[in-house]
Amino acid sequence: MTDRAPQPVDRQLPTEESRDLLVLVREIAQREIRPRAAEEEETGRFPREVFTLLSESGLLGLPYAGESGGGDQPYEVYLQVLEELAAARLTVGLGVSVHSLACHGLAAYGTKEQQAAHLPDMLGGGLLGAYCLSEPAAGSDAASLTTKAVRDGDDWLITGTKAWITHGGVADFYTVLARTGAPGAKGITAFLVPGDAPGLTAAVPEKKMGMKGSPTAQLHFDGVRVPDSRRIGEEGQGFTIALAALDAGRLGIAACAIGVAQAALDEALAYALGRKQFGHPIADFQGLRFMLADMATKIEAGRALYLAAARLRDAGKPFSRQAAMAKLFCTDAAMAVTTDAVQVLGGYGYTADFPVERLMREAKVLQIVEGTNQIQRMVIARHLAGPETR
């Protein structure tokens, strides 16, 4: 069975332009993404042509400045686009979020010359990006990364291994965090590395329980030569750049999570209205009606939370705490809603004939990526009570 088209969410968008944008996104999702999602996830096919279409449609650079090839859209609008894309297929929604994350460092910290040279192609020229922070031994403790960048005249030589890289091996460029100084957060620098750089190779993609169409792989850097003109920000500023990108990226994950949850609710509701037992649609039974009500409430609460954080960002106000809260709540909600959707469908929900089992498997990764939900709780607590004193 193919995924049913979800009921359109009644969104409060700020302009007519943004409303037209959502109409375009829904049309692309309905025509190009949703019909092939189940089959391509089962076979592990990466839909590169979809990302090319999104780039041609101006959807890969929405939250960035128009003068650099972006869409000049507020984060409030961009995140709702991500939600729509993720509801159709998480590989696409999350892929757009990762691409935006990979562009953030150059857009926010690059020189005007760097931005003019690279951003137009990154944002609207058909290129696809990836973000390289994690390593085999440096996940939650990202400041302990060991990939090194050593000066060699006007260049840098990067050596090491990055892990859990979404779009690893298929990206056209990578934002790479590498150690250029002493141990700790202050010794890290950011670089923009071409995907075809000599000495850069990708391992076989990881075998995952979900998102099989999205390649996740280790990247090996064997003396990869990068000119200093591709260094982003100052030497030693890399960890600051990484954290700023992750604050914004966490909102992208939150929006994707609500998209997955909304897709699961739509499937569960359609099934409950059509499935009859004891002479009545199962949606008539109070136990199931209450489940659907709780699912819908979690989704609405999560959507309101990520949009509130996005509006803070758009207003230039601090939003790190709210971004962590949104990522935590929305991804936990997605896991709960998709699990309940499988339960609503009963035995059918446990089969690949219906999409809810895939949605449940995909929801799990959202509690892990871009900072596990345990890390989000640490971030929130530090905002409330200050750093740990131990």
Protein backbone atom coordinates (compact mmCIF):
# COMPACT_ATOMS: atom_id res chain seq x y z
CA MET A 1 0.00 0.00 0.00
CA THR A 2 1.20 3.54 -0.73
CA ASP A 3 1.06 6.39 1.75
CA ARG A 4 -2.17 8.33 1.83
CA ALA A 5 -1.94 12.08 1.31
CA PRO A 6 -2.28 13.79 4.71
CA GLN A 7 -4.97 16.31 5.49
CA PRO A 8 -3.43 19.78 5.00
CA VAL A 9 -2.53 21.44 8.28
CA ASP A 10 -4.27 24.78 8.85
CA ARG A 11 -1.19 26.97 9.12
CA GLN A 12 -0.87 30.59 10.17
CA LEU A 13 1.65 31.92 7.66
CA PRO A 14 2.81 35.55 7.76
CA THR A 15 2.55 36.51 4.06
CA GLU A 16 0.80 35.59 0.84
CA GLU A 17 4.21 34.63 -0.57
CA SER A 18 4.73 32.12 2.23
CA ARG A 19 1.25 30.69 1.71
CA ASP A 20 1.98 30.21 -2.00
CA LEU A 21 5.27 28.59 -1.03
CA LEU A 22 3.50 25.98 1.10
CA VAL A 23 1.14 25.22 -1.78
CA LEU A 24 4.17 24.57 -4.01
CA VAL A 25 5.78 22.34 -1.39
CA ARG A 26 2.60 20.29 -0.99
CA GLU A 27 2.31 19.84 -4.73
CA ILE A 28 5.90 18.61 -5.00
CA ALA A 29 5.43 16.32 -1.99
CA GLN A 30 2.24 14.86 -3.40
CA ARG A 31 3.55 14.43 -6.94
CA GLU A 32 7.26 13.65 -6.57
CA ILE A 33 7.99 12.43 -3.04
CA ARG A 34 5.15 10.58 -1.32
CA PRO A 35 4.23 8.10 -4.11
CA ARG A 36 7.74 6.60 -4.18
CA ALA A 37 8.65 6.89 -0.52
CA ALA A 38 7.79 3.38 0.70
CA GLU A 39 9.40 1.55 -2.23
CA GLU A 40 12.56 3.63 -2.26
CA GLU A 41 13.04 3.39 1.51
CA GLU A 42 12.67 -0.38 1.28
CA THR A 43 15.31 -0.61 -1.45
CA GLY A 44 17.56 2.04 0.12
CA ARG A 45 17.48 4.36 -2.88
CA PHE A 46 18.69 7.92 -2.31
CA PRO A 47 16.45 10.37 -4.23
CA ARG A 48 19.11 12.78 -5.48
CA GLU A 49 16.82 13.98 -8.27
CA VAL A 50 14.33 15.20 -5.65
CA PHE A 51 16.98 17.41 -4.07
CA THR A 52 17.86 18.73 -7.52
CA LEU A 53 14.18 19.58 -8.03
CA LEU A 54 14.00 21.26 -4.62
CA SER A 55 17.07 23.33 -5.48
CA GLU A 56 15.60 24.36 -8.83
CA SER A 57 12.40 25.31 -6.99
CA GLY A 58 14.29 27.52 -4.55
CA LEU A 59 13.64 25.26 -1.55
CA LEU A 60 17.20 24.39 -0.47
CA GLY A 61 18.15 27.85 0.73
CA LEU A 62 14.93 29.22 2.18
CA PRO A 63 16.21 30.77 5.46
CA TYR A 64 19.19 32.49 3.82
CA ALA A 65 19.58 35.90 2.20
CA GLY A 66 18.32 36.38 -1.33
CA GLU A 67 21.51 38.21 -2.34
CA SER A 68 23.39 34.95 -1.75
CA GLY A 69 20.92 32.75 -3.61
CA GLY A 70 18.64 32.06 -0.66
CA GLY A 71 14.90 32.45 -0.27
CA ASP A 72 14.75 35.30 2.29
CA GLN A 73 12.18 33.36 4.32
CA PRO A 74 11.88 33.56 8.10
CA TYR A 75 12.65 30.44 10.08
CA GLU A 76 8.98 30.25 11.02
CA VAL A 77 8.17 29.53 7.36
CA TYR A 78 11.23 27.39 6.58
CA LEU A 79 10.43 24.99 9.43
CA GLN A 80 6.87 24.50 8.23
CA VAL A 81 8.27 23.60 4.81
CA LEU A 82 10.50 21.01 6.52
CA GLU A 83 7.48 19.60 8.33
CA GLU A 84 5.60 19.17 5.05
CA LEU A 85 8.57 17.48 3.38
CA ALA A 86 9.21 15.17 6.33
CA ALA A 87 5.55 14.14 6.42
CA ALA A 88 5.96 12.95 2.83
CA ARG A 89 9.37 11.31 3.40
CA LEU A 90 11.78 11.87 6.27
CA THR A 91 14.81 11.19 4.05
CA VAL A 92 13.89 14.36 2.14
CA GLY A 93 12.84 16.56 5.05
CA LEU A 94 15.83 15.65 7.18
CA GLY A 95 18.08 15.93 4.12
CA VAL A 96 17.00 19.53 3.56
CA SER A 97 17.60 20.28 7.25
CA VAL A 98 21.12 18.78 7.07
CA HIS A 99 21.89 20.75 3.92
CA SER A 100 20.78 23.96 5.65
CA LEU A 101 22.95 23.05 8.64
CA ALA A 102 25.95 22.58 6.31
CA CYS A 103 25.40 26.06 4.84
CA HIS A 104 25.02 27.82 8.18
CA GLY A 105 28.70 28.26 9.04
CA LEU A 106 29.62 30.01 5.80
CA ALA A 107 26.42 32.08 5.75
CA ALA A 108 26.87 33.29 9.34
CA TYR A 109 30.67 33.45 9.75
CA GLY A 110 32.19 33.51 6.26
CA THR A 111 33.77 36.58 4.69
CA LYS A 112 31.89 38.48 2.00
CA GLU A 113 34.35 37.09 -0.55
CA GLN A 114 33.74 33.50 0.60
CA GLN A 115 29.99 33.97 0.58
CA ALA A 116 30.02 35.44 -2.91
CA ALA A 117 32.23 32.61 -4.19
CA HIS A 118 30.32 29.67 -2.70
CA LEU A 119 26.87 30.44 -1.32
CA PRO A 120 24.95 30.89 -4.60
CA ASP A 121 25.83 27.35 -5.69
CA MET A 122 25.32 25.95 -2.20
CA LEU A 123 21.89 27.53 -1.79
CA GLY A 124 20.42 27.37 -5.26
CA GLY A 125 22.93 25.83 -7.66
CA GLY A 126 22.01 22.19 -7.29
CA LEU A 127 24.71 21.31 -4.76
CA LEU A 128 23.99 19.18 -1.68
CA GLY A 129 25.81 19.58 1.61
CA ALA A 130 26.69 17.59 4.72
CA TYR A 131 27.92 18.44 8.20
CA CYS A 132 30.96 16.75 9.75
CA LEU A 133 31.23 17.11 13.52
CA SER A 134 30.82 13.64 15.09
CA GLU A 135 33.58 11.05 15.15
CA PRO A 136 33.77 7.38 16.18
CA ALA A 137 34.92 8.40 19.69
CA ALA A 138 33.42 11.90 19.82
CA GLY A 139 29.62 11.99 19.75
CA SER A 140 27.89 13.80 22.61
CA ASP A 141 31.33 15.03 23.72
CA ALA A 142 31.98 16.73 20.40
CA ALA A 143 34.69 19.00 21.83
CA SER A 144 36.95 15.94 22.17
CA LEU A 145 37.18 15.42 18.39
CA THR A 146 40.60 14.36 17.10
CA THR A 147 40.46 14.96 13.33
CA LYS A 148 43.41 17.30 12.73
CA ALA A 149 44.07 20.15 10.35
CA VAL A 150 47.74 21.09 10.06
CA ARG A 151 49.10 24.18 8.32
CA ASP A 152 51.10 23.62 5.15
CA GLY A 153 51.92 27.01 3.66
CA ASP A 154 48.71 28.61 2.46
CA ASP A 155 46.84 25.32 2.84
CA TRP A 156 45.64 22.98 5.55
CA LEU A 157 46.03 19.19 5.56
CA ILE A 158 43.08 17.43 7.20
CA THR A 159 43.50 13.91 8.57
CA GLY A 160 41.06 11.83 10.57
CA THR A 161 37.68 10.10 10.48
CA LYS A 162 34.20 11.54 10.81
CA ALA A 163 31.22 9.34 11.69
CA TRP A 164 27.44 9.28 11.30
CA ILE A 165 27.54 11.71 8.40
CA THR A 166 24.17 12.15 6.69
CA HIS A 167 24.81 12.37 2.91
CA GLY A 168 28.25 10.91 3.52
CA GLY A 169 29.65 9.93 0.12
CA VAL A 170 26.98 11.72 -1.94
CA ALA A 171 27.37 15.33 -0.79
CA ASP A 172 29.01 17.97 -2.98
CA PHE A 173 30.52 19.82 -0.02
CA TYR A 174 31.15 19.20 3.66
CA THR A 175 31.40 21.64 6.56
CA VAL A 176 34.15 19.99 8.59
CA LEU A 177 35.20 20.68 12.17
CA ALA A 178 38.86 19.81 12.80
CA ARG A 179 41.41 20.35 15.54
CA THR A 180 43.96 23.06 14.79
CA GLY A 181 45.09 23.77 18.34
CA ALA A 182 45.17 22.46 21.90
CA PRO A 183 42.66 19.90 23.22
CA GLY A 184 39.21 21.21 24.06
CA ALA A 185 36.63 23.42 22.44
CA LYS A 186 38.98 26.36 21.78
CA GLY A 187 41.28 24.35 19.51
CA ILE A 188 38.70 23.60 16.79
CA THR A 189 38.37 25.29 13.39
CA ALA A 190 35.74 24.97 10.64
CA PHE A 191 36.49 24.30 6.96
CA LEU A 192 34.47 24.05 3.75
CA VAL A 193 35.70 20.91 1.97
CA PRO A 194 34.69 19.93 -1.59
CA GLY A 195 33.08 16.51 -1.88
CA ASP A 196 35.57 15.44 -4.56
CA ALA A 197 38.72 16.56 -2.69
CA PRO A 198 41.66 14.12 -3.20
CA GLY A 199 42.19 11.99 -0.10
CA LEU A 200 38.53 12.15 0.97
CA THR A 201 36.75 8.80 0.86
CA ALA A 202 33.48 7.46 2.25
CA ALA A 203 33.01 4.09 3.93
CA VAL A 204 30.16 1.73 3.13
CA PRO A 205 26.93 3.33 4.43
CA GLU A 206 25.63 2.15 7.79
CA LYS A 207 22.86 -0.45 7.84
CA LYS A 208 20.06 1.28 9.76
CA MET A 209 16.65 0.35 11.10
CA GLY A 210 15.05 3.31 9.34
CA MET A 211 15.78 6.05 6.81
CA LYS A 212 17.41 3.48 4.58
CA GLY A 213 17.20 5.82 1.61
CA SER A 214 19.40 8.39 3.36
CA PRO A 215 23.09 7.38 3.28
CA THR A 216 24.87 7.65 6.63
CA ALA A 217 28.57 6.89 6.43
CA GLN A 218 32.00 7.46 7.91
CA LEU A 219 34.27 9.83 6.03
CA HIS A 220 38.03 9.32 5.96
CA PHE A 221 40.35 12.30 5.49
CA ASP A 222 43.84 11.25 4.42
CA GLY A 223 45.82 14.46 4.19
CA VAL A 224 42.99 16.30 2.42
CA ARG A 225 44.43 19.61 1.19
CA VAL A 226 42.18 22.61 1.75
CA PRO A 227 43.27 26.20 1.00
CA ASP A 228 43.09 28.70 3.83
CA SER A 229 40.50 30.57 1.76
CA ARG A 230 38.11 27.74 2.68
CA ARG A 231 38.61 28.20 6.42
CA ILE A 232 35.33 29.43 7.94
CA GLY A 233 35.72 32.03 10.67
CA GLU A 234 38.85 32.48 12.75
CA GLU A 235 41.19 29.74 13.87
CA GLY A 236 39.79 28.24 17.07
CA GLN A 237 36.29 29.57 16.40
CA GLY A 238 34.99 26.29 15.02
CA PHE A 239 33.21 25.02 18.11
CA THR A 240 31.32 28.30 18.50
CA ILE A 241 30.28 28.00 14.85
CA ALA A 242 29.23 24.39 15.42
CA LEU A 243 27.07 25.19 18.44
CA ALA A 244 25.34 28.08 16.65
CA ALA A 245 24.53 25.79 13.74
CA LEU A 246 23.22 23.09 16.04
CA ASP A 247 20.82 25.49 17.78
CA ALA A 248 19.20 26.20 14.42
CA GLY A 249 19.50 22.58 13.30
CA ARG A 250 17.65 21.31 16.36
CA LEU A 251 14.63 23.29 15.27
CA GLY A 252 14.86 21.55 11.90
CA ILE A 253 14.82 18.16 13.63
CA ALA A 254 11.82 19.25 15.72
CA ALA A 255 9.88 20.26 12.61
CA CYS A 256 10.74 16.99 10.87
CA ALA A 257 9.57 15.06 13.93
CA ILE A 258 6.18 16.78 13.87
CA GLY A 259 5.91 16.00 10.16
CA VAL A 260 6.48 12.30 10.82
CA ALA A 261 4.01 12.36 13.71
CA GLN A 262 1.38 14.14 11.61
CA ALA A 263 1.76 11.55 8.84
CA ALA A 264 1.29 8.76 11.39
CA LEU A 265 -1.83 10.40 12.87
CA ASP A 266 -3.31 10.86 9.40
CA GLU A 267 -2.82 7.17 8.66
CA ALA A 268 -4.20 6.07 12.03
CA LEU A 269 -7.28 8.27 11.74
CA ALA A 270 -8.05 7.14 8.17
CA TYR A 271 -7.73 3.51 9.23
CA ALA A 272 -9.86 3.97 12.37
CA LEU A 273 -12.66 5.56 10.37
CA GLY A 274 -12.65 2.81 7.76
CA ARG A 275 -12.02 -0.31 9.88
CA LYS A 276 -15.17 -1.91 11.36
CA GLN A 277 -15.38 -4.27 14.32
CA PHE A 278 -18.53 -5.36 16.19
CA GLY A 279 -20.54 -3.56 13.50
CA HIS A 280 -18.98 -0.11 14.07
CA PRO A 281 -15.93 1.82 12.88
CA ILE A 282 -13.23 1.33 15.50
CA ALA A 283 -13.06 5.14 15.73
CA ASP A 284 -16.37 4.87 17.65
CA PHE A 285 -14.71 3.16 20.61
CA GLN A 286 -13.72 5.46 23.44
CA GLY A 287 -10.36 3.84 24.14
CA LEU A 288 -9.23 4.46 20.60
CA ARG A 289 -10.78 7.92 20.37
CA PHE A 290 -8.79 8.93 23.43
CA MET A 291 -5.58 7.64 21.80
CA LEU A 292 -6.23 9.73 18.71
CA ALA A 293 -6.98 12.78 20.85
CA ASP A 294 -3.72 12.38 22.76
CA MET A 295 -1.77 11.95 19.52
CA ALA A 296 -3.25 15.11 18.04
CA THR A 297 -2.57 17.07 21.23
CA LYS A 298 1.10 16.08 21.27
CA ILE A 299 1.44 17.18 17.65
CA GLU A 300 -0.22 20.56 18.19
CA ALA A 301 1.87 21.21 21.31
CA GLY A 302 5.09 20.29 19.51
CA ARG A 303 4.26 22.46 16.52
CA ALA A 304 3.53 25.43 18.78
CA LEU A 305 6.81 24.89 20.64
CA TYR A 306 9.05 24.80 17.57
CA LEU A 307 7.26 27.78 16.01
CA ALA A 308 7.63 29.82 19.20
CA ALA A 309 11.38 29.11 19.18
CA ALA A 310 11.58 29.99 15.47
CA ARG A 311 9.91 33.34 16.10
CA LEU A 312 12.49 34.14 18.76
CA ARG A 313 15.24 33.35 16.26
CA ASP A 314 13.58 35.50 13.60
CA ALA A 315 13.39 38.37 16.08
CA GLY A 316 17.12 38.10 16.82
CA LYS A 317 16.52 36.96 20.40
CA PRO A 318 18.25 34.09 22.24
CA PHE A 319 16.58 30.79 21.46
CA SER A 320 19.05 28.07 22.46
CA ARG A 321 16.99 26.87 25.44
CA GLN A 322 13.78 26.86 23.45
CA ALA A 323 15.48 25.01 20.57
CA ALA A 324 16.59 22.26 22.96
CA MET A 325 13.08 22.08 24.43
CA ALA A 326 11.53 21.85 20.97
CA LYS A 327 13.92 19.14 19.84
CA LEU A 328 13.34 17.16 23.04
CA PHE A 329 9.55 17.44 23.11
CA CYS A 330 8.86 17.05 19.39
CA THR A 331 11.04 13.99 18.90
CA ASP A 332 9.68 12.27 22.01
CA ALA A 333 6.20 13.10 20.75
CA ALA A 334 6.98 11.62 17.33
CA MET A 335 8.14 8.37 18.93
CA ALA A 336 5.00 8.17 21.07
CA VAL A 337 2.60 9.08 18.24
CA THR A 338 4.09 6.65 15.72
CA THR A 339 4.05 3.84 18.30
CA ASP A 340 0.39 4.55 19.02
CA ALA A 341 -0.35 4.64 15.29
CA VAL A 342 1.00 1.10 14.95
CA GLN A 343 -1.25 0.08 17.85
CA VAL A 344 -4.32 1.64 16.23
CA LEU A 345 -3.74 -0.43 13.10
CA GLY A 346 -3.15 -3.57 15.14
CA GLY A 347 -1.59 -6.41 13.18
CA TYR A 348 -1.75 -4.39 9.96
CA GLY A 349 0.34 -1.69 11.61
CA TYR A 350 3.12 -4.22 12.12
CA THR A 351 3.32 -4.98 8.40
CA ALA A 352 5.08 -3.09 5.63
CA ASP A 353 1.78 -2.87 3.73
CA PHE A 354 1.00 0.25 5.77
CA PRO A 355 3.50 3.09 6.34
CA VAL A 356 3.13 3.43 10.11
CA GLU A 357 5.75 0.77 10.89
CA ARG A 358 8.25 2.69 8.73
CA LEU A 359 7.30 5.96 10.40
CA MET A 360 7.88 4.41 13.84
CA ARG A 361 11.33 3.15 12.81
CA GLU A 362 12.20 6.55 11.37
CA ALA A 363 10.99 8.47 14.42
CA LYS A 364 13.54 6.73 16.63
CA VAL A 365 16.56 8.34 15.00
CA LEU A 366 15.17 11.81 15.66
CA GLN A 367 15.66 11.28 19.40
CA ILE A 368 19.37 10.68 18.69
CA VAL A 369 20.61 13.00 15.93
CA GLU A 370 21.96 16.53 16.53
CA GLY A 371 22.30 15.89 20.23
CA THR A 372 20.52 13.04 21.97
CA ASN A 373 17.49 13.93 24.04
CA GLN A 374 19.56 13.33 27.15
CA ILE A 375 21.94 16.04 25.92
CA GLN A 376 18.94 18.34 25.30
CA ARG A 377 17.93 17.91 28.93
CA MET A 378 21.46 18.89 29.98
CA VAL A 379 21.30 21.99 27.78
CA ILE A 380 17.93 23.02 29.23
CA ALA A 381 19.08 22.41 32.80
CA ARG A 382 22.19 24.53 32.29
CA HIS A 383 20.01 27.41 31.13
CA LEU A 384 17.88 27.00 34.25
CA ALA A 385 20.44 26.22 36.97
CA GLY A 386 23.80 27.11 35.44
CA PRO A 387 26.73 24.78 34.70
CA GLU A 388 27.27 21.68 36.80
CA THR A 389 29.52 22.32 39.82
CA ARG A 390 31.10 18.86 40.00
